Amino acid sequence: MAETYLTVSALTQYLKRKFDLDPYLSKVYLTGEISNFRQRPGHQYFSLKDDHAKISVVMFKNAFNALKFKPEEGMKVMAVGRVTLYEASGNYQIVLEEMAPDGVGALYQAFEQLKAKLEKEGLFNQPKRALPMFPRKIAVVTSPSGAVIQDIMTTVARRYPLAQIVLYPAQVQGDTAAATIVSQLNRVREAGDYDALIIGRGGGSIEDLWPFNEEIVARALASMPMPVVSSVGHETDTTIADFVADRRAATPTAAAELVTPITLADALNRINQDQLRIQTAMQNRLKQQEERLKRVSNSMVLTQPSRLYDQYLQRVDQLQLRLQAVITAQLNTTQRQLTQVSNQLNLQSLQQRIQLARQNLTYLTQQLNQQMVGTLNTNRQQFQATVEALDHLSPLKILARGYTYVTDDSGNMLKQTDDFKPDQQATIHVTDGTVAVNILEVHHGKTNI
């Protein structure tokens, strides 16, 4: 019996039908690491691999556009698709319908929960601080071996070489990365003399970027005294650190540009412009002052100072003339009055007036002497009566009749029983001296005398 030989196409078609009709291959759940990935405008072709095998992957445009993340080389993913055979090459492949980062479900849930918690606390709504125009020192918290610090140093050196870059090396990936990041942030805070802080790392999966989603890192960033620029991952990556930071940069180069908003050339140009404006302003001011000085120099005050008091001298002359006229008129009037009075007086009338005045003076002197004697006698009698009345009221008279009065050590008079205290020292005043006593008892109540 002759053997029947199949063509390659026939065998390939047979195997393809086997793949397509196999229920176990119509929907396969697969996990692996992305390999040979290079994003194309339309359909995507790459591989999934593990430590021992690799499978070709086809993802058509509609399915790829529905992804909520950006696939990257080396990213571990979970995929769902159907296994088929490509007839043209005879290679089997998997056509993916869904794909998500491996293990991302739990991380995304933790991310959203922490984001909601910190947002509720207002940690993301704190006032964003402005970056300085001319920074002197910039702190950078990142890996010392990555490209981040090199890009930042290169950009700052190109744009604003006057700024000093200080690296605080930190582990940016792994379980202990968050603790090392916080430790370096604390060092930056303790130094306290930085104008800005850049924190960042390169791209990676959500697991790689997870230290920047830790709560301790977010709170440490929120407490920094200087403006913070976050540059974590690629442009499509978002971390909690981005929400807390004052500014977010898509790349380390962009972060360096943010903290140096004005280049050295621009700063020097601005200084030159300011200097020119100051010189122009000073020249204008000097010109104004010179014109003012010229006006003042040509003024009457300096050119003809005598004209300032010409009118005053003329006024003084007029007043002097008026004063002389008034004095002359007053003297003439007084002279006429004196002449009239002199004419009215004569020697006889003057002698008669003197005689009458002498008589009147004698009479008034007698009346004054009489009134003085009477007043003196009256005052003497009133004085004698007052002395006698005071003598009757004298404490010595009262003491002479057997009465006494008591005082304490301070000389205060003790009048009532409430003024006396047992064991109190007191002094009794009698007509011819004092008696020191000690109070033994005090009895209240009126005494009949």
Protein backbone atom coordinates (compact mmCIF):
# COMPACT_ATOMS: atom_id res chain seq x y z
CA MET A 1 0.00 0.00 0.00
CA ALA A 2 1.45 3.35 -0.99
CA GLU A 3 2.02 5.95 1.75
CA THR A 4 0.07 9.26 1.54
CA TYR A 5 2.22 12.32 2.00
CA LEU A 6 0.73 15.55 3.37
CA THR A 7 1.74 19.00 2.35
CA VAL A 8 3.07 21.42 4.91
CA SER A 9 -0.01 23.56 4.46
CA ALA A 10 -2.34 20.65 5.03
CA LEU A 11 -0.54 19.62 8.20
CA THR A 12 -0.51 23.20 9.44
CA GLN A 13 -4.22 23.58 8.72
CA TYR A 14 -4.93 20.32 10.59
CA LEU A 15 -2.94 21.42 13.61
CA LYS A 16 -4.60 24.86 13.58
CA ARG A 17 -8.03 23.21 13.68
CA LYS A 18 -6.87 21.11 16.62
CA PHE A 19 -5.84 24.28 18.47
CA ASP A 20 -9.00 26.13 17.58
CA LEU A 21 -11.35 23.29 18.55
CA ASP A 22 -9.60 22.36 21.78
CA PRO A 23 -11.82 23.69 24.65
CA TYR A 24 -8.83 23.88 26.99
CA LEU A 25 -7.02 26.30 24.68
CA SER A 26 -9.96 28.59 23.89
CA LYS A 27 -9.46 30.57 27.11
CA VAL A 28 -6.14 30.29 28.89
CA TYR A 29 -5.08 32.19 32.03
CA LEU A 30 -1.38 32.80 31.80
CA THR A 31 1.25 34.58 33.89
CA GLY A 32 4.71 35.55 32.75
CA GLU A 33 7.20 38.31 32.09
CA ILE A 34 6.94 40.62 29.08
CA SER A 35 9.81 40.19 26.63
CA ASN A 36 10.77 41.78 23.30
CA PHE A 37 8.18 44.51 23.74
CA ARG A 38 8.26 47.52 21.42
CA GLN A 39 5.05 49.45 21.13
CA ARG A 40 3.67 49.70 17.59
CA PRO A 41 0.99 52.01 16.21
CA GLY A 42 -1.52 49.20 15.67
CA HIS A 43 -1.41 45.56 16.79
CA GLN A 44 1.23 44.53 19.31
CA TYR A 45 3.61 41.58 19.02
CA PHE A 46 5.82 40.46 21.89
CA SER A 47 6.52 37.41 24.10
CA LEU A 48 5.68 36.07 27.52
CA LYS A 49 8.32 34.04 29.28
CA ASP A 50 9.34 32.45 32.54
CA ASP A 51 12.55 30.80 33.60
CA HIS A 52 12.10 27.78 31.30
CA ALA A 53 9.88 28.69 28.34
CA LYS A 54 8.57 31.45 26.07
CA ILE A 55 5.42 31.94 24.01
CA SER A 56 4.67 34.44 21.26
CA VAL A 57 1.93 36.97 21.96
CA VAL A 58 -0.43 38.84 19.68
CA MET A 59 -2.62 41.62 21.07
CA PHE A 60 -4.87 43.34 18.61
CA LYS A 61 -5.35 47.09 18.65
CA ASN A 62 -8.77 47.20 20.34
CA ALA A 63 -7.70 44.97 23.23
CA PHE A 64 -4.41 46.86 23.68
CA ASN A 65 -6.10 50.28 23.74
CA ALA A 66 -8.40 49.05 26.51
CA LEU A 67 -5.45 48.49 28.88
CA LYS A 68 -5.29 50.76 31.92
CA PHE A 69 -1.51 50.59 32.15
CA LYS A 70 1.49 50.84 29.87
CA PRO A 71 3.29 47.50 29.32
CA GLU A 72 7.05 47.64 29.72
CA GLU A 73 9.92 45.28 29.10
CA GLY A 74 10.44 42.91 32.03
CA MET A 75 7.04 43.62 33.60
CA LYS A 76 5.36 40.59 35.12
CA VAL A 77 1.74 40.32 34.00
CA MET A 78 -1.38 38.20 34.24
CA ALA A 79 -3.01 37.58 30.82
CA VAL A 80 -6.15 35.97 29.43
CA GLY A 81 -6.34 34.76 25.82
CA ARG A 82 -6.75 31.87 23.37
CA VAL A 83 -3.98 29.68 22.02
CA THR A 84 -3.83 29.36 18.23
CA LEU A 85 -1.39 28.50 15.48
CA TYR A 86 -0.13 30.95 12.88
CA GLU A 87 -0.21 29.07 9.57
CA ALA A 88 2.34 31.18 7.74
CA SER A 89 5.16 30.29 10.10
CA GLY A 90 3.75 27.25 11.80
CA ASN A 91 4.37 28.81 15.24
CA TYR A 92 1.86 28.56 17.99
CA GLN A 93 0.93 31.77 19.81
CA ILE A 94 -1.53 33.20 22.26
CA VAL A 95 -3.92 35.96 21.27
CA LEU A 96 -4.42 38.08 24.40
CA GLU A 97 -7.78 39.66 25.21
CA GLU A 98 -6.96 41.01 28.70
CA MET A 99 -3.77 41.80 30.59
CA ALA A 100 -2.91 43.33 34.00
CA PRO A 101 0.26 43.61 36.06
CA ASP A 102 0.78 40.51 38.16
CA GLY A 103 -0.17 41.07 41.78
CA VAL A 104 -1.33 44.57 41.07
CA GLY A 105 -4.87 44.02 42.28
CA ALA A 106 -3.98 44.07 45.97
CA LEU A 107 -1.46 46.90 45.47
CA TYR A 108 -3.95 49.03 43.59
CA GLN A 109 -6.51 48.49 46.31
CA ALA A 110 -3.99 49.52 48.97
CA PHE A 111 -3.03 52.53 46.82
CA GLU A 112 -6.64 53.71 46.50
CA GLN A 113 -7.36 53.17 50.20
CA LEU A 114 -4.30 55.16 51.31
CA LYS A 115 -5.01 57.85 48.74
CA ALA A 116 -8.58 58.26 50.04
CA LYS A 117 -7.39 58.34 53.65
CA LEU A 118 -4.74 61.02 53.10
CA GLU A 119 -7.02 63.04 50.87
CA LYS A 120 -9.69 63.03 53.58
CA GLU A 121 -7.09 64.30 56.07
CA GLY A 122 -6.31 67.18 53.72
CA LEU A 123 -2.72 66.10 53.12
CA PHE A 124 -3.09 66.67 49.38
CA ASN A 125 -4.83 70.03 49.79
CA GLN A 126 -2.07 71.82 51.65
CA PRO A 127 -1.02 75.13 50.00
CA LYS A 128 1.56 74.44 47.32
CA ARG A 129 4.78 76.33 47.93
CA ALA A 130 6.46 78.25 45.14
CA LEU A 131 9.90 77.17 44.01
CA PRO A 132 12.66 79.78 44.51
CA MET A 133 13.79 81.79 41.51
CA PHE A 134 17.48 81.58 42.44
CA PRO A 135 18.15 78.38 44.46
CA ARG A 136 21.42 78.04 46.32
CA LYS A 137 21.24 74.42 47.57
CA ILE A 138 19.08 71.59 46.24
CA ALA A 139 18.71 68.24 48.01
CA VAL A 140 18.13 65.09 45.93
CA VAL A 141 16.86 61.85 47.47
CA THR A 142 17.34 59.01 45.00
CA SER A 143 19.55 56.08 44.13
CA PRO A 144 23.23 57.02 43.78
CA SER A 145 23.74 54.58 40.88
CA GLY A 146 20.72 55.38 38.69
CA ALA A 147 20.39 57.77 35.79
CA VAL A 148 18.16 60.09 37.84
CA ILE A 149 20.95 61.84 39.72
CA GLN A 150 23.06 62.11 36.55
CA ASP A 151 20.22 63.74 34.61
CA ILE A 152 19.54 66.17 37.45
CA MET A 153 23.19 67.14 37.88
CA THR A 154 23.68 67.58 34.14
CA THR A 155 20.58 69.73 33.76
CA VAL A 156 21.32 71.94 36.78
CA ALA A 157 24.96 72.38 35.71
CA ARG A 158 23.77 73.46 32.27
CA ARG A 159 20.97 75.77 33.42
CA TYR A 160 22.13 77.23 36.73
CA PRO A 161 25.64 76.09 37.78
CA LEU A 162 25.58 78.37 40.84
CA ALA A 163 23.20 75.94 42.59
CA GLN A 164 24.75 73.24 44.77
CA ILE A 165 23.36 69.70 44.38
CA VAL A 166 23.58 67.47 47.47
CA LEU A 167 22.73 63.79 47.01
CA TYR A 168 21.12 61.84 49.84
CA PRO A 169 21.48 58.26 48.57
CA ALA A 170 18.49 56.03 49.25
CA GLN A 171 17.25 52.61 48.30
CA VAL A 172 14.34 53.21 45.90
CA GLN A 173 13.11 49.66 45.44
CA GLY A 174 12.40 46.77 47.76
CA ASP A 175 10.85 46.13 51.16
CA THR A 176 13.29 48.36 53.07
CA ALA A 177 13.29 51.21 50.56
CA ALA A 178 10.57 53.27 52.28
CA ALA A 179 12.50 53.28 55.57
CA THR A 180 15.72 54.44 53.89
CA ILE A 181 13.84 57.17 51.99
CA VAL A 182 12.29 58.47 55.22
CA SER A 183 15.68 58.37 56.95
CA GLN A 184 17.23 60.52 54.24
CA LEU A 185 14.26 62.92 54.27
CA ASN A 186 14.80 63.36 58.02
CA ARG A 187 18.44 64.21 57.36
CA VAL A 188 17.40 66.84 54.82
CA ARG A 189 14.89 68.31 57.28
CA GLU A 190 17.50 68.45 60.06
CA ALA A 191 19.94 70.26 57.76
CA GLY A 192 17.21 72.83 57.05
CA ASP A 193 19.26 75.01 54.66
CA TYR A 194 17.92 73.74 51.34
CA ASP A 195 15.83 75.81 48.93
CA ALA A 196 14.21 72.77 47.23
CA LEU A 197 14.04 68.98 47.38
CA ILE A 198 13.82 66.49 44.49
CA ILE A 199 12.74 62.93 45.22
CA GLY A 200 12.55 60.34 42.47
CA ARG A 201 13.57 57.24 40.63
CA GLY A 202 13.25 55.75 37.15
CA GLY A 203 10.33 53.81 35.74
CA GLY A 204 9.16 50.37 36.70
CA SER A 205 6.18 48.31 37.71
CA ILE A 206 3.85 49.28 40.51
CA GLU A 207 5.79 46.93 42.76
CA ASP A 208 9.02 48.75 41.89
CA LEU A 209 7.45 52.14 42.60
CA TRP A 210 5.63 51.00 45.72
CA PRO A 211 8.03 52.61 48.29
CA PHE A 212 6.76 55.97 47.04
CA ASN A 213 3.20 54.86 47.86
CA GLU A 214 4.02 54.15 51.51
CA GLU A 215 2.27 56.26 54.16
CA ILE A 216 5.48 56.98 56.08
CA VAL A 217 7.05 58.46 52.94
CA ALA A 218 3.95 60.58 52.24
CA ARG A 219 3.88 62.03 55.75
CA ALA A 220 7.63 62.68 55.73
CA LEU A 221 7.29 64.59 52.45
CA ALA A 222 4.33 66.60 53.79
CA SER A 223 6.43 67.78 56.76
CA MET A 224 9.40 68.99 54.72
CA PRO A 225 10.12 72.71 55.29
CA MET A 226 11.14 73.37 51.67
CA PRO A 227 9.26 72.91 48.35
CA VAL A 228 9.24 69.31 47.11
CA VAL A 229 9.39 68.13 43.49
CA SER A 230 8.41 64.51 42.82
CA SER A 231 9.87 62.69 39.81
CA VAL A 232 8.88 59.05 40.26
CA GLY A 233 8.53 56.69 37.31
CA HIS A 234 7.43 57.74 33.87
CA GLU A 235 4.84 60.32 32.89
CA THR A 236 1.97 57.82 33.07
CA ASP A 237 2.95 56.57 36.54
CA THR A 238 1.26 58.17 39.54
CA THR A 239 2.28 57.68 43.18
CA ILE A 240 1.16 59.03 46.54
CA ALA A 241 4.37 61.04 46.62
CA ASP A 242 3.17 62.94 43.53
CA PHE A 243 -0.02 64.05 45.32
CA VAL A 244 1.88 65.23 48.41
CA ALA A 245 4.66 67.07 46.56
CA ASP A 246 4.41 70.74 45.66
CA ARG A 247 5.21 69.95 42.02
CA ARG A 248 5.37 66.80 39.91
CA ALA A 249 7.84 66.29 37.10
CA ALA A 250 7.52 63.66 34.36
CA THR A 251 11.29 63.12 34.17
CA PRO A 252 14.38 63.91 36.27
CA THR A 253 15.37 66.48 33.65
CA ALA A 254 11.99 68.18 34.04
CA ALA A 255 12.44 68.14 37.82
CA ALA A 256 15.82 69.85 37.48
CA GLU A 257 14.25 72.45 35.20
CA LEU A 258 11.49 73.12 37.73
CA VAL A 259 13.93 73.84 40.57
CA THR A 260 15.98 76.13 38.29
CA PRO A 261 13.18 78.22 36.73
CA ILE A 262 15.65 80.82 35.48
CA THR A 263 18.88 79.90 33.76
CA LEU A 264 22.12 81.61 34.64
CA ALA A 265 22.11 83.35 31.27
CA ASP A 266 18.58 84.61 31.88
CA ALA A 267 19.54 85.73 35.39
CA LEU A 268 22.58 87.63 34.09
CA ASN A 269 20.46 89.15 31.34
CA ARG A 270 17.86 90.20 33.90
CA ILE A 271 20.60 91.70 36.09
CA ASN A 272 21.94 93.63 33.12
CA GLN A 273 18.45 94.87 32.30
CA ASP A 274 17.87 95.88 35.91
CA GLN A 275 21.24 97.60 35.99
CA LEU A 276 20.37 99.48 32.81
CA ARG A 277 17.00 100.51 34.25
CA ILE A 278 18.66 101.70 37.46
CA GLN A 279 21.25 103.68 35.51
CA THR A 280 18.53 105.22 33.36
CA ALA A 281 16.46 106.06 36.43
CA MET A 282 19.48 107.60 38.16
CA GLN A 283 20.36 109.65 35.10
CA ASN A 284 16.78 110.90 34.86
CA ARG A 285 16.81 111.72 38.57
CA LEU A 286 20.12 113.57 38.27
CA LYS A 287 18.80 115.48 35.27
CA GLN A 288 15.70 116.50 37.21
CA GLN A 289 17.82 117.62 40.16
CA GLU A 290 20.14 119.56 37.89
CA GLU A 291 17.19 121.35 36.30
CA ARG A 292 15.79 122.08 39.74
CA LEU A 293 19.17 123.41 40.89
CA LYS A 294 19.34 125.58 37.81
CA ARG A 295 15.88 127.01 38.49
CA VAL A 296 16.76 127.68 42.11
CA SER A 297 20.10 129.24 41.17
CA ASN A 298 18.34 131.64 38.81
CA SER A 299 15.65 132.53 41.34
CA MET A 300 15.36 135.99 42.89
CA VAL A 301 16.34 134.62 46.30
CA LEU A 302 19.89 133.92 45.18
CA THR A 303 20.37 136.44 42.37
CA GLN A 304 18.85 139.53 44.05
CA PRO A 305 18.45 138.77 47.75
CA SER A 306 18.07 142.49 48.61
CA ARG A 307 14.74 142.58 46.83
CA LEU A 308 13.35 140.24 49.47
CA TYR A 309 13.38 142.98 52.19
CA ASP A 310 12.97 146.16 50.09
CA GLN A 311 9.27 146.35 50.89
CA TYR A 312 9.94 145.68 54.59
CA LEU A 313 12.42 148.59 54.76
CA GLN A 314 9.89 150.88 53.14
CA ARG A 315 7.25 149.70 55.59
CA VAL A 316 9.57 150.44 58.53
CA ASP A 317 10.14 153.99 57.26
CA GLN A 318 6.41 154.57 57.01
CA LEU A 319 5.83 153.29 60.52
CA GLN A 320 8.60 155.47 61.93
CA LEU A 321 7.04 158.55 60.35
CA ARG A 322 3.63 157.64 61.75
CA LEU A 323 5.14 157.06 65.20
CA GLN A 324 6.85 160.45 65.23
CA ALA A 325 3.61 162.14 64.19
CA VAL A 326 1.65 160.41 66.96
CA ILE A 327 4.26 161.25 69.62
CA THR A 328 4.34 164.88 68.55
CA ALA A 329 0.56 165.13 68.63
CA GLN A 330 0.44 163.49 72.08
CA LEU A 331 3.08 165.88 73.46
CA ASN A 332 1.23 168.87 72.12
CA THR A 333 -2.01 167.71 73.71
CA THR A 334 -0.33 167.07 77.07
CA GLN A 335 1.34 170.48 76.96
CA ARG A 336 -1.97 172.21 76.36
CA GLN A 337 -3.59 170.33 79.25
CA LEU A 338 -0.71 171.21 81.56
CA THR A 339 -0.99 174.88 80.64
CA GLN A 340 -4.70 174.86 81.34
CA VAL A 341 -4.23 173.24 84.78
CA SER A 342 -1.43 175.68 85.65
CA ASN A 343 -3.58 178.64 84.76
CA GLN A 344 -6.40 177.37 86.99
CA LEU A 345 -4.16 177.01 90.05
CA ASN A 346 -2.96 180.04 92.02
CA LEU A 347 -1.04 180.41 95.24
CA GLN A 348 -4.02 181.44 97.42
CA SER A 349 -6.21 178.58 96.47
CA LEU A 350 -3.32 176.20 97.01
CA GLN A 351 -2.71 177.47 100.64
CA GLN A 352 -6.42 177.16 101.49
CA ARG A 353 -6.45 173.57 100.26
CA ILE A 354 -3.37 172.73 102.35
CA GLN A 355 -4.96 174.19 105.53
CA LEU A 356 -8.15 172.21 105.01
CA ALA A 357 -6.18 169.09 104.40
CA ARG A 358 -4.24 169.56 107.67
CA GLN A 359 -7.45 169.99 109.66
CA ASN A 360 -8.97 166.95 108.10
CA LEU A 361 -5.84 164.96 108.83
CA THR A 362 -5.90 165.97 112.51
CA TYR A 363 -9.54 164.93 112.85
CA LEU A 364 -9.02 161.62 111.15
CA THR A 365 -6.00 160.89 113.36
CA GLN A 366 -8.02 161.44 116.53
CA GLN A 367 -10.82 159.21 115.26
CA LEU A 368 -8.34 156.50 114.35
CA ASN A 369 -6.72 156.56 117.82
CA GLN A 370 -10.08 156.24 119.52
CA GLN A 371 -11.16 153.34 117.34
CA MET A 372 -7.83 151.56 117.86
CA VAL A 373 -8.12 151.83 121.67
CA GLY A 374 -11.70 150.53 121.60
CA THR A 375 -10.83 147.66 119.28
CA LEU A 376 -7.81 146.73 121.43
CA ASN A 377 -9.89 146.62 124.61
CA THR A 378 -12.56 144.51 122.93
CA ASN A 379 -10.00 142.02 121.57
CA ARG A 380 -8.30 141.85 124.99
CA GLN A 381 -11.56 140.95 126.69
CA GLN A 382 -12.37 138.30 124.04
CA PHE A 383 -8.90 136.82 124.40
CA GLN A 384 -9.21 136.62 128.20
CA ALA A 385 -12.58 134.89 127.87
CA THR A 386 -11.16 132.39 125.36
CA VAL A 387 -8.18 131.61 127.62
CA GLU A 388 -10.46 130.96 130.54
CA ALA A 389 -12.67 128.69 128.40
CA LEU A 390 -9.67 126.74 127.15
CA ASP A 391 -8.36 126.42 130.67
CA HIS A 392 -11.62 124.79 131.70
CA LEU A 393 -11.26 122.33 128.82
CA SER A 394 -7.59 121.53 129.43
CA PRO A 395 -6.79 117.80 129.91
CA LEU A 396 -4.58 118.81 132.82
CA LYS A 397 -7.60 120.30 134.59
CA ILE A 398 -9.50 117.04 133.96
CA LEU A 399 -6.57 115.00 135.27
CA ALA A 400 -6.37 117.27 138.33
CA ARG A 401 -9.96 116.30 139.13
CA GLY A 402 -8.90 112.61 139.30
CA TYR A 403 -9.47 111.54 135.69
CA THR A 404 -6.86 109.66 133.59
CA TYR A 405 -6.48 108.42 129.96
CA VAL A 406 -4.76 105.29 128.59
CA THR A 407 -2.57 104.78 125.48
CA ASP A 408 -0.94 101.72 123.89
CA ASP A 409 2.74 101.32 122.99
CA SER A 410 2.23 103.30 119.76
CA GLY A 411 0.64 106.26 121.55
CA ASN A 412 -2.85 105.49 120.33
CA MET A 413 -5.55 106.37 122.86
CA LEU A 414 -7.57 103.41 124.18
CA LYS A 415 -11.16 104.57 124.65
CA GLN A 416 -13.34 101.44 124.58
CA THR A 417 -13.10 97.91 125.91
CA ASP A 418 -12.64 96.64 122.34
CA ASP A 419 -9.36 98.60 122.25
CA PHE A 420 -7.95 96.55 125.13
CA LYS A 421 -6.48 93.04 124.79
CA PRO A 422 -5.38 90.70 127.57
CA ASP A 423 -1.61 90.72 128.20
CA GLN A 424 -1.41 94.05 126.37
CA GLN A 425 1.08 96.68 127.57
CA ALA A 426 -0.53 100.11 128.16
CA THR A 427 0.28 103.47 129.75
CA ILE A 428 -2.00 105.40 132.17
CA HIS A 429 -1.58 109.16 132.06
CA VAL A 430 -2.21 111.02 135.38
CA THR A 431 -1.78 114.67 136.32
CA ASP A 432 1.86 114.40 137.35
CA GLY A 433 3.19 111.56 135.13
CA THR A 434 2.48 108.12 133.59
CA VAL A 435 1.98 104.58 134.93
CA ALA A 436 2.88 101.45 132.88
CA VAL A 437 0.37 98.61 133.29
CA ASN A 438 -0.34 95.13 131.90
CA ILE A 439 -3.96 94.34 130.93
CA LEU A 440 -5.12 91.20 132.72
CA GLU A 441 -8.83 91.02 131.87
CA VAL A 442 -11.32 93.03 129.86
CA HIS A 443 -14.96 93.30 131.01
CA HIS A 444 -17.54 94.64 128.61
CA GLY A 445 -20.41 96.74 129.77
CA LYS A 446 -21.13 100.36 130.77
CA THR A 447 -19.67 101.81 134.01
CA ASN A 448 -21.70 104.33 136.04
CA ILE A 449 -19.68 107.32 137.15
